[in-house]
Amino acid sequence: MYELDIPRWVTAILVTFGLLLVILYFSKTHLNFRRDNVGVKVRSHTMLKNNASLYVIEIENQRLLIGVTKENMTILTCLEPVSTLDEALQDMSK
């Protein structure tokens, strides 16, 4: 019969778990598996009705207000880029 060697099993499980954590850490920090859409960032989103929304998106330091429906997407206006939070708060207070 086989003898159950508990310390050996626990060590094997801990080593396996540690290797999985190292692989997970390496893949998140060194490999680029992110779903970034080449610099496209959604900054804000508002639902107008069931099939219509407004989005503020940022592409290459340009901010755009776009309207989206089921059938269409339209650039409504180009917005001025806000570089810092302080500038944005000053603009809002004016």
PDB file of N, CA and C in Angstrom:
ATOM      1  N   MET A   1       0.836  -1.194   0.000  1.00  0.00           N
ATOM      2  CA  MET A   1       0.000   0.000   0.000  1.00  0.00           C
ATOM      3  C   MET A   1       0.874   1.248   0.000  1.00  0.00           C
ATOM      4  N   TYR A   2       0.264   2.311  -0.528  1.00  0.00           N
ATOM      5  CA  TYR A   2       0.963   3.588  -0.552  1.00  0.00           C
ATOM      6  C   TYR A   2       0.792   4.305   0.769  1.00  0.00           C
ATOM      7  N   GLU A   3       1.846   4.905   1.208  1.00  0.00           N
ATOM      8  CA  GLU A   3       1.795   5.657   2.453  1.00  0.00           C
ATOM      9  C   GLU A   3       1.544   7.129   2.108  1.00  0.00           C
ATOM     10  N   LEU A   4       0.626   7.768   2.800  1.00  0.00           N
ATOM     11  CA  LEU A   4       0.261   9.163   2.549  1.00  0.00           C
ATOM     12  C   LEU A   4       1.302  10.071   3.187  1.00  0.00           C
ATOM     13  N   ASP A   5       2.003  10.816   2.356  1.00  0.00           N
ATOM     14  CA  ASP A   5       3.045  11.715   2.819  1.00  0.00           C
ATOM     15  C   ASP A   5       2.502  13.149   2.739  1.00  0.00           C
ATOM     16  N   ILE A   6       1.855  13.591   3.810  1.00  0.00           N
ATOM     17  CA  ILE A   6       1.158  14.893   3.830  1.00  0.00           C
ATOM     18  C   ILE A   6       2.120  16.058   3.627  1.00  0.00           C
ATOM     19  N   PRO A   7       3.250  16.160   4.277  1.00  0.00           N
ATOM     20  CA  PRO A   7       4.144  17.306   4.029  1.00  0.00           C
ATOM     21  C   PRO A   7       4.593  17.410   2.564  1.00  0.00           C
ATOM     22  N   ARG A   8       4.808  16.263   1.939  1.00  0.00           N
ATOM     23  CA  ARG A   8       5.221  16.280   0.537  1.00  0.00           C
ATOM     24  C   ARG A   8       4.099  16.795  -0.362  1.00  0.00           C
ATOM     25  N   TRP A   9       2.852  16.364  -0.113  1.00  0.00           N
ATOM     26  CA  TRP A   9       1.707  16.834  -0.895  1.00  0.00           C
ATOM     27  C   TRP A   9       1.464  18.332  -0.690  1.00  0.00           C
ATOM     28  N   VAL A  10       1.549  18.780   0.539  1.00  0.00           N
ATOM     29  CA  VAL A  10       1.337  20.199   0.832  1.00  0.00           C
ATOM     30  C   VAL A  10       2.408  21.042   0.144  1.00  0.00           C
ATOM     31  N   THR A  11       3.641  20.578   0.181  1.00  0.00           N
ATOM     32  CA  THR A  11       4.728  21.301  -0.482  1.00  0.00           C
ATOM     33  C   THR A  11       4.494  21.355  -1.992  1.00  0.00           C
ATOM     34  N   ALA A  12       4.084  20.266  -2.583  1.00  0.00           N
ATOM     35  CA  ALA A  12       3.824  20.236  -4.027  1.00  0.00           C
ATOM     36  C   ALA A  12       2.684  21.187  -4.399  1.00  0.00           C
ATOM     37  N   ILE A  13       1.629  21.219  -3.615  1.00  0.00           N
ATOM     38  CA  ILE A  13       0.500  22.116  -3.886  1.00  0.00           C
ATOM     39  C   ILE A  13       0.930  23.569  -3.738  1.00  0.00           C
ATOM     40  N   LEU A  14       1.695  23.888  -2.696  1.00  0.00           N
ATOM     41  CA  LEU A  14       2.155  25.262  -2.496  1.00  0.00           C
ATOM     42  C   LEU A  14       3.095  25.719  -3.607  1.00  0.00           C
ATOM     43  N   VAL A  15       3.978  24.849  -4.063  1.00  0.00           N
ATOM     44  CA  VAL A  15       4.893  25.196  -5.153  1.00  0.00           C
ATOM     45  C   VAL A  15       4.104  25.427  -6.443  1.00  0.00           C
ATOM     46  N   THR A  16       3.142  24.557  -6.717  1.00  0.00           N
ATOM     47  CA  THR A  16       2.303  24.726  -7.914  1.00  0.00           C
ATOM     48  C   THR A  16       1.533  26.034  -7.851  1.00  0.00           C
ATOM     49  N   PHE A  17       0.917  26.326  -6.724  1.00  0.00           N
ATOM     50  CA  PHE A  17       0.164  27.571  -6.552  1.00  0.00           C
ATOM     51  C   PHE A  17       1.083  28.785  -6.692  1.00  0.00           C
ATOM     52  N   GLY A  18       2.278  28.707  -6.138  1.00  0.00           N
ATOM     53  CA  GLY A  18       3.242  29.794  -6.257  1.00  0.00           C
ATOM     54  C   GLY A  18       3.662  30.031  -7.702  1.00  0.00           C
ATOM     55  N   LEU A  19       3.890  28.958  -8.450  1.00  0.00           N
ATOM     56  CA  LEU A  19       4.239  29.100  -9.862  1.00  0.00           C
ATOM     57  C   LEU A  19       3.095  29.733 -10.653  1.00  0.00           C
ATOM     58  N   LEU A  20       1.868  29.361 -10.356  1.00  0.00           N
ATOM     59  CA  LEU A  20       0.717  29.979 -11.027  1.00  0.00           C
ATOM     60  C   LEU A  20       0.641  31.467 -10.718  1.00  0.00           C
ATOM     61  N   LEU A  21       0.906  31.861  -9.476  1.00  0.00           N
ATOM     62  CA  LEU A  21       0.905  33.277  -9.122  1.00  0.00           C
ATOM     63  C   LEU A  21       2.011  34.039  -9.845  1.00  0.00           C
ATOM     64  N   VAL A  22       3.183  33.438  -9.972  1.00  0.00           N
ATOM     65  CA  VAL A  22       4.289  34.083 -10.693  1.00  0.00           C
ATOM     66  C   VAL A  22       3.926  34.250 -12.167  1.00  0.00           C
ATOM     67  N   ILE A  23       3.329  33.241 -12.780  1.00  0.00           N
ATOM     68  CA  ILE A  23       2.917  33.335 -14.181  1.00  0.00           C
ATOM     69  C   ILE A  23       1.853  34.408 -14.355  1.00  0.00           C
ATOM     70  N   LEU A  24       0.889  34.470 -13.455  1.00  0.00           N
ATOM     71  CA  LEU A  24      -0.165  35.485 -13.525  1.00  0.00           C
ATOM     72  C   LEU A  24       0.427  36.884 -13.382  1.00  0.00           C
ATOM     73  N   TYR A  25       1.332  37.078 -12.427  1.00  0.00           N
ATOM     74  CA  TYR A  25       1.967  38.383 -12.233  1.00  0.00           C
ATOM     75  C   TYR A  25       2.760  38.789 -13.480  1.00  0.00           C
ATOM     76  N   PHE A  26       3.529  37.863 -14.021  1.00  0.00           N
ATOM     77  CA  PHE A  26       4.328  38.159 -15.206  1.00  0.00           C
ATOM     78  C   PHE A  26       3.442  38.513 -16.394  1.00  0.00           C
ATOM     79  N   SER A  27       2.356  37.785 -16.579  1.00  0.00           N
ATOM     80  CA  SER A  27       1.495  38.049 -17.729  1.00  0.00           C
ATOM     81  C   SER A  27       0.797  39.396 -17.612  1.00  0.00           C
ATOM     82  N   LYS A  28       0.467  39.828 -16.405  1.00  0.00           N
ATOM     83  CA  LYS A  28      -0.203  41.118 -16.239  1.00  0.00           C
ATOM     84  C   LYS A  28       0.759  42.292 -16.339  1.00  0.00           C
ATOM     85  N   THR A  29       1.988  42.119 -15.951  1.00  0.00           N
ATOM     86  CA  THR A  29       2.917  43.243 -15.935  1.00  0.00           C
ATOM     87  C   THR A  29       3.779  43.333 -17.196  1.00  0.00           C
ATOM     88  N   HIS A  30       4.132  42.218 -17.796  1.00  0.00           N
ATOM     89  CA  HIS A  30       5.086  42.244 -18.897  1.00  0.00           C
ATOM     90  C   HIS A  30       4.470  41.972 -20.266  1.00  0.00           C
ATOM     91  N   LEU A  31       3.341  41.323 -20.307  1.00  0.00           N
ATOM     92  CA  LEU A  31       2.693  41.037 -21.580  1.00  0.00           C
ATOM     93  C   LEU A  31       1.545  42.009 -21.785  1.00  0.00           C
ATOM     94  N   ASN A  32       1.304  42.380 -23.015  1.00  0.00           N
ATOM     95  CA  ASN A  32       0.277  43.379 -23.305  1.00  0.00           C
ATOM     96  C   ASN A  32      -0.991  42.688 -23.802  1.00  0.00           C
ATOM     97  N   PHE A  33      -1.807  42.194 -22.868  1.00  0.00           N
ATOM     98  CA  PHE A  33      -3.073  41.575 -23.208  1.00  0.00           C
ATOM     99  C   PHE A  33      -4.242  42.505 -22.944  1.00  0.00           C
ATOM    100  N   ARG A  34      -3.962  43.772 -22.824  1.00  0.00           N
ATOM    101  CA  ARG A  34      -5.032  44.721 -22.537  1.00  0.00           C
ATOM    102  C   ARG A  34      -5.867  44.944 -23.774  1.00  0.00           C
ATOM    103  N   ARG A  35      -7.108  45.398 -23.560  1.00  0.00           N
ATOM    104  CA  ARG A  35      -8.019  45.647 -24.664  1.00  0.00           C
ATOM    105  C   ARG A  35      -8.074  47.118 -25.016  1.00  0.00           C
ATOM    106  N   ASP A  36      -6.953  47.790 -24.927  1.00  0.00           N
ATOM    107  CA  ASP A  36      -6.915  49.194 -25.324  1.00  0.00           C
ATOM    108  C   ASP A  36      -7.126  49.290 -26.821  1.00  0.00           C
ATOM    109  N   ASN A  37      -8.000  50.176 -27.236  1.00  0.00           N
ATOM    110  CA  ASN A  37      -8.300  50.347 -28.651  1.00  0.00           C
ATOM    111  C   ASN A  37      -7.452  51.464 -29.238  1.00  0.00           C
ATOM    112  N   VAL A  38      -6.156  51.281 -29.273  1.00  0.00           N
ATOM    113  CA  VAL A  38      -5.213  52.194 -29.896  1.00  0.00           C
ATOM    114  C   VAL A  38      -5.468  53.628 -29.451  1.00  0.00           C
ATOM    115  N   GLY A  39      -5.506  53.860 -28.178  1.00  0.00           N
ATOM    116  CA  GLY A  39      -5.629  55.209 -27.660  1.00  0.00           C
ATOM    117  C   GLY A  39      -7.031  55.766 -27.608  1.00  0.00           C
ATOM    118  N   VAL A  40      -8.063  54.992 -27.876  1.00  0.00           N
ATOM    119  CA  VAL A  40      -9.445  55.460 -27.785  1.00  0.00           C
ATOM    120  C   VAL A  40      -9.924  55.219 -26.363  1.00  0.00           C
ATOM    121  N   LYS A  41     -10.352  56.294 -25.692  1.00  0.00           N
ATOM    122  CA  LYS A  41     -10.833  56.176 -24.312  1.00  0.00           C
ATOM    123  C   LYS A  41     -12.207  56.810 -24.208  1.00  0.00           C
ATOM    124  N   VAL A  42     -13.134  56.115 -23.579  1.00  0.00           N
ATOM    125  CA  VAL A  42     -14.460  56.662 -23.328  1.00  0.00           C
ATOM    126  C   VAL A  42     -14.392  57.395 -21.999  1.00  0.00           C
ATOM    127  N   ARG A  43     -14.594  58.697 -22.028  1.00  0.00           N
ATOM    128  CA  ARG A  43     -14.496  59.522 -20.823  1.00  0.00           C
ATOM    129  C   ARG A  43     -15.827  59.675 -20.108  1.00  0.00           C
ATOM    130  N   SER A  44     -16.929  59.641 -20.858  1.00  0.00           N
ATOM    131  CA  SER A  44     -18.241  59.814 -20.246  1.00  0.00           C
ATOM    132  C   SER A  44     -19.296  59.201 -21.155  1.00  0.00           C
ATOM    133  N   HIS A  45     -20.408  58.787 -20.538  1.00  0.00           N
ATOM    134  CA  HIS A  45     -21.486  58.152 -21.293  1.00  0.00           C
ATOM    135  C   HIS A  45     -22.812  58.519 -20.644  1.00  0.00           C
ATOM    136  N   THR A  46     -23.780  58.935 -21.460  1.00  0.00           N
ATOM    137  CA  THR A  46     -25.106  59.291 -20.962  1.00  0.00           C
ATOM    138  C   THR A  46     -26.164  58.690 -21.878  1.00  0.00           C
ATOM    139  N   MET A  47     -27.124  57.986 -21.293  1.00  0.00           N
ATOM    140  CA  MET A  47     -28.251  57.451 -22.058  1.00  0.00           C
ATOM    141  C   MET A  47     -29.302  58.541 -22.215  1.00  0.00           C
ATOM    142  N   LEU A  48     -29.744  58.776 -23.429  1.00  0.00           N
ATOM    143  CA  LEU A  48     -30.796  59.755 -23.671  1.00  0.00           C
ATOM    144  C   LEU A  48     -32.167  59.083 -23.670  1.00  0.00           C
ATOM    145  N   LYS A  49     -32.283  57.981 -24.379  1.00  0.00           N
ATOM    146  CA  LYS A  49     -33.486  57.154 -24.369  1.00  0.00           C
ATOM    147  C   LYS A  49     -33.047  55.740 -24.693  1.00  0.00           C
ATOM    148  N   ASN A  50     -33.977  54.854 -24.936  1.00  0.00           N
ATOM    149  CA  ASN A  50     -33.636  53.437 -25.107  1.00  0.00           C
ATOM    150  C   ASN A  50     -32.584  53.188 -26.179  1.00  0.00           C
ATOM    151  N   ASN A  51     -32.679  53.886 -27.287  1.00  0.00           N
ATOM    152  CA  ASN A  51     -31.778  53.594 -28.396  1.00  0.00           C
ATOM    153  C   ASN A  51     -30.807  54.724 -28.710  1.00  0.00           C
ATOM    154  N   ALA A  52     -30.635  55.688 -27.822  1.00  0.00           N
ATOM    155  CA  ALA A  52     -29.754  56.816 -28.098  1.00  0.00           C
ATOM    156  C   ALA A  52     -28.876  57.124 -26.889  1.00  0.00           C
ATOM    157  N   SER A  53     -27.621  57.442 -27.174  1.00  0.00           N
ATOM    158  CA  SER A  53     -26.658  57.762 -26.118  1.00  0.00           C
ATOM    159  C   SER A  53     -25.722  58.854 -26.597  1.00  0.00           C
ATOM    160  N   LEU A  54     -25.128  59.540 -25.634  1.00  0.00           N
ATOM    161  CA  LEU A  54     -24.060  60.497 -25.897  1.00  0.00           C
ATOM    162  C   LEU A  54     -22.784  59.973 -25.253  1.00  0.00           C
ATOM    163  N   TYR A  55     -21.678  60.088 -25.977  1.00  0.00           N
ATOM    164  CA  TYR A  55     -20.380  59.668 -25.474  1.00  0.00           C
ATOM    165  C   TYR A  55     -19.390  60.806 -25.629  1.00  0.00           C
ATOM    166  N   VAL A  56     -18.540  60.993 -24.630  1.00  0.00           N
ATOM    167  CA  VAL A  56     -17.365  61.843 -24.768  1.00  0.00           C
ATOM    168  C   VAL A  56     -16.190  60.882 -24.859  1.00  0.00           C
ATOM    169  N   ILE A  57     -15.511  60.908 -26.011  1.00  0.00           N
ATOM    170  CA  ILE A  57     -14.373  60.019 -26.211  1.00  0.00           C
ATOM    171  C   ILE A  57     -13.116  60.851 -26.445  1.00  0.00           C
ATOM    172  N   GLU A  58     -11.980  60.243 -26.165  1.00  0.00           N
ATOM    173  CA  GLU A  58     -10.695  60.903 -26.364  1.00  0.00           C
ATOM    174  C   GLU A  58      -9.857  60.047 -27.298  1.00  0.00           C
ATOM    175  N   ILE A  59      -9.402  60.688 -28.389  1.00  0.00           N
ATOM    176  CA  ILE A  59      -8.550  60.019 -29.362  1.00  0.00           C
ATOM    177  C   ILE A  59      -7.372  60.937 -29.640  1.00  0.00           C
ATOM    178  N   GLU A  60      -6.169  60.466 -29.342  1.00  0.00           N
ATOM    179  CA  GLU A  60      -4.948  61.224 -29.581  1.00  0.00           C
ATOM    180  C   GLU A  60      -5.062  62.668 -29.088  1.00  0.00           C
ATOM    181  N   ASN A  61      -5.424  62.841 -27.840  1.00  0.00           N
ATOM    182  CA  ASN A  61      -5.552  64.139 -27.164  1.00  0.00           C
ATOM    183  C   ASN A  61      -6.635  65.031 -27.757  1.00  0.00           C
ATOM    184  N   GLN A  62      -7.554  64.475 -28.504  1.00  0.00           N
ATOM    185  CA  GLN A  62      -8.728  65.205 -28.961  1.00  0.00           C
ATOM    186  C   GLN A  62      -9.940  64.607 -28.270  1.00  0.00           C
ATOM    187  N   ARG A  63     -10.820  65.471 -27.799  1.00  0.00           N
ATOM    188  CA  ARG A  63     -12.065  65.014 -27.178  1.00  0.00           C
ATOM    189  C   ARG A  63     -13.213  65.287 -28.132  1.00  0.00           C
ATOM    190  N   LEU A  64     -14.047  64.268 -28.338  1.00  0.00           N
ATOM    191  CA  LEU A  64     -15.170  64.370 -29.256  1.00  0.00           C
ATOM    192  C   LEU A  64     -16.459  64.010 -28.532  1.00  0.00           C
ATOM    193  N   LEU A  65     -17.530  64.729 -28.843  1.00  0.00           N
ATOM    194  CA  LEU A  65     -18.859  64.387 -28.368  1.00  0.00           C
ATOM    195  C   LEU A  65     -19.554  63.679 -29.514  1.00  0.00           C
ATOM    196  N   ILE A  66     -19.935  62.425 -29.303  1.00  0.00           N
ATOM    197  CA  ILE A  66     -20.594  61.679 -30.369  1.00  0.00           C
ATOM    198  C   ILE A  66     -21.960  61.211 -29.904  1.00  0.00           C
ATOM    199  N   GLY A  67     -22.884  61.189 -30.833  1.00  0.00           N
ATOM    200  CA  GLY A  67     -24.217  60.655 -30.596  1.00  0.00           C
ATOM    201  C   GLY A  67     -24.318  59.292 -31.239  1.00  0.00           C
ATOM    202  N   VAL A  68     -24.881  58.345 -30.498  1.00  0.00           N
ATOM    203  CA  VAL A  68     -24.962  56.970 -30.974  1.00  0.00           C
ATOM    204  C   VAL A  68     -26.404  56.493 -30.880  1.00  0.00           C
ATOM    205  N   THR A  69     -26.915  55.957 -31.989  1.00  0.00           N
ATOM    206  CA  THR A  69     -28.213  55.291 -32.000  1.00  0.00           C
ATOM    207  C   THR A  69     -28.002  53.872 -32.506  1.00  0.00           C
ATOM    208  N   LYS A  70     -29.077  53.121 -32.638  1.00  0.00           N
ATOM    209  CA  LYS A  70     -28.959  51.768 -33.140  1.00  0.00           C
ATOM    210  C   LYS A  70     -28.421  51.730 -34.566  1.00  0.00           C
ATOM    211  N   GLU A  71     -28.818  52.700 -35.365  1.00  0.00           N
ATOM    212  CA  GLU A  71     -28.464  52.701 -36.778  1.00  0.00           C
ATOM    213  C   GLU A  71     -27.299  53.610 -37.137  1.00  0.00           C
ATOM    214  N   ASN A  72     -26.926  54.555 -36.280  1.00  0.00           N
ATOM    215  CA  ASN A  72     -26.023  55.610 -36.694  1.00  0.00           C
ATOM    216  C   ASN A  72     -25.113  56.049 -35.552  1.00  0.00           C
ATOM    217  N   MET A  73     -23.960  56.604 -35.934  1.00  0.00           N
ATOM    218  CA  MET A  73     -23.050  57.230 -34.987  1.00  0.00           C
ATOM    219  C   MET A  73     -22.571  58.523 -35.637  1.00  0.00           C
ATOM    220  N   THR A  74     -22.707  59.651 -34.910  1.00  0.00           N
ATOM    221  CA  THR A  74     -22.400  60.957 -35.483  1.00  0.00           C
ATOM    222  C   THR A  74     -21.514  61.748 -34.537  1.00  0.00           C
ATOM    223  N   ILE A  75     -20.475  62.388 -35.095  1.00  0.00           N
ATOM    224  CA  ILE A  75     -19.662  63.312 -34.304  1.00  0.00           C
ATOM    225  C   ILE A  75     -20.449  64.613 -34.204  1.00  0.00           C
ATOM    226  N   LEU A  76     -20.804  65.000 -32.995  1.00  0.00           N
ATOM    227  CA  LEU A  76     -21.593  66.205 -32.798  1.00  0.00           C
ATOM    228  C   LEU A  76     -20.715  67.444 -32.694  1.00  0.00           C
ATOM    229  N   THR A  77     -19.615  67.345 -31.967  1.00  0.00           N
ATOM    230  CA  THR A  77     -18.717  68.482 -31.833  1.00  0.00           C
ATOM    231  C   THR A  77     -17.355  68.018 -31.327  1.00  0.00           C
ATOM    232  N   CYS A  78     -16.352  68.841 -31.555  1.00  0.00           N
ATOM    233  CA  CYS A  78     -15.027  68.621 -30.983  1.00  0.00           C
ATOM    234  C   CYS A  78     -14.926  69.468 -29.721  1.00  0.00           C
ATOM    235  N   LEU A  79     -14.500  68.864 -28.639  1.00  0.00           N
ATOM    236  CA  LEU A  79     -14.381  69.565 -27.360  1.00  0.00           C
ATOM    237  C   LEU A  79     -12.922  69.930 -27.127  1.00  0.00           C
ATOM    238  N   GLU A  80     -12.712  70.969 -26.348  1.00  0.00           N
ATOM    239  CA  GLU A  80     -11.350  71.352 -25.988  1.00  0.00           C
ATOM    240  C   GLU A  80     -10.805  70.338 -24.981  1.00  0.00           C
ATOM    241  N   PRO A  81      -9.559  69.939 -25.161  1.00  0.00           N
ATOM    242  CA  PRO A  81      -8.984  68.991 -24.201  1.00  0.00           C
ATOM    243  C   PRO A  81      -8.766  69.647 -22.844  1.00  0.00           C
ATOM    244  N   VAL A  82      -9.060  68.923 -21.796  1.00  0.00           N
ATOM    245  CA  VAL A  82      -8.824  69.394 -20.429  1.00  0.00           C
ATOM    246  C   VAL A  82      -7.574  68.684 -19.943  1.00  0.00           C
ATOM    247  N   SER A  83      -6.537  69.469 -19.657  1.00  0.00           N
ATOM    248  CA  SER A  83      -5.258  68.850 -19.318  1.00  0.00           C
ATOM    249  C   SER A  83      -5.152  68.483 -17.842  1.00  0.00           C
ATOM    250  N   THR A  84      -5.745  69.281 -16.952  1.00  0.00           N
ATOM    251  CA  THR A  84      -5.638  68.965 -15.531  1.00  0.00           C
ATOM    252  C   THR A  84      -6.992  69.126 -14.856  1.00  0.00           C
ATOM    253  N   LEU A  85      -7.121  68.539 -13.709  1.00  0.00           N
ATOM    254  CA  LEU A  85      -8.344  68.651 -12.935  1.00  0.00           C
ATOM    255  C   LEU A  85      -8.559  70.085 -12.467  1.00  0.00           C
ATOM    256  N   ASP A  86      -7.492  70.787 -12.105  1.00  0.00           N
ATOM    257  CA  ASP A  86      -7.610  72.174 -11.659  1.00  0.00           C
ATOM    258  C   ASP A  86      -8.183  73.058 -12.762  1.00  0.00           C
ATOM    259  N   GLU A  87      -7.707  72.872 -14.000  1.00  0.00           N
ATOM    260  CA  GLU A  87      -8.234  73.664 -15.108  1.00  0.00           C
ATOM    261  C   GLU A  87      -9.706  73.358 -15.355  1.00  0.00           C
ATOM    262  N   ALA A  88     -10.080  72.106 -15.224  1.00  0.00           N
ATOM    263  CA  ALA A  88     -11.476  71.733 -15.432  1.00  0.00           C
ATOM    264  C   ALA A  88     -12.367  72.368 -14.370  1.00  0.00           C
ATOM    265  N   LEU A  89     -11.909  72.364 -13.139  1.00  0.00           N
ATOM    266  CA  LEU A  89     -12.696  72.974 -12.074  1.00  0.00           C
ATOM    267  C   LEU A  89     -12.800  74.484 -12.244  1.00  0.00           C
ATOM    268  N   GLN A  90     -11.742  75.128 -12.722  1.00  0.00           N
ATOM    269  CA  GLN A  90     -11.786  76.566 -12.974  1.00  0.00           C
ATOM    270  C   GLN A  90     -12.752  76.863 -14.104  1.00  0.00           C
ATOM    271  N   ASP A  91     -12.762  76.063 -15.162  1.00  0.00           N
ATOM    272  CA  ASP A  91     -13.687  76.269 -16.268  1.00  0.00           C
ATOM    273  C   ASP A  91     -15.133  76.096 -15.816  1.00  0.00           C
ATOM    274  N   MET A  92     -15.386  75.164 -14.946  1.00  0.00           N
ATOM    275  CA  MET A  92     -16.746  74.920 -14.461  1.00  0.00           C
ATOM    276  C   MET A  92     -17.234  76.057 -13.576  1.00  0.00           C
ATOM    277  N   SER A  93     -16.328  76.706 -12.851  1.00  0.00           N
ATOM    278  CA  SER A  93     -16.734  77.766 -11.925  1.00  0.00           C
ATOM    279  C   SER A  93     -17.004  79.081 -12.642  1.00  0.00           C
ATOM    280  N   LYS A  94     -16.609  79.214 -13.897  1.00  0.00           N
ATOM    281  CA  LYS A  94     -16.813  80.456 -14.641  1.00  0.00           C
ATOM    282  C   LYS A  94     -18.246  80.593 -15.093  1.00  0.00           C
TER     283      LYS A  94
END
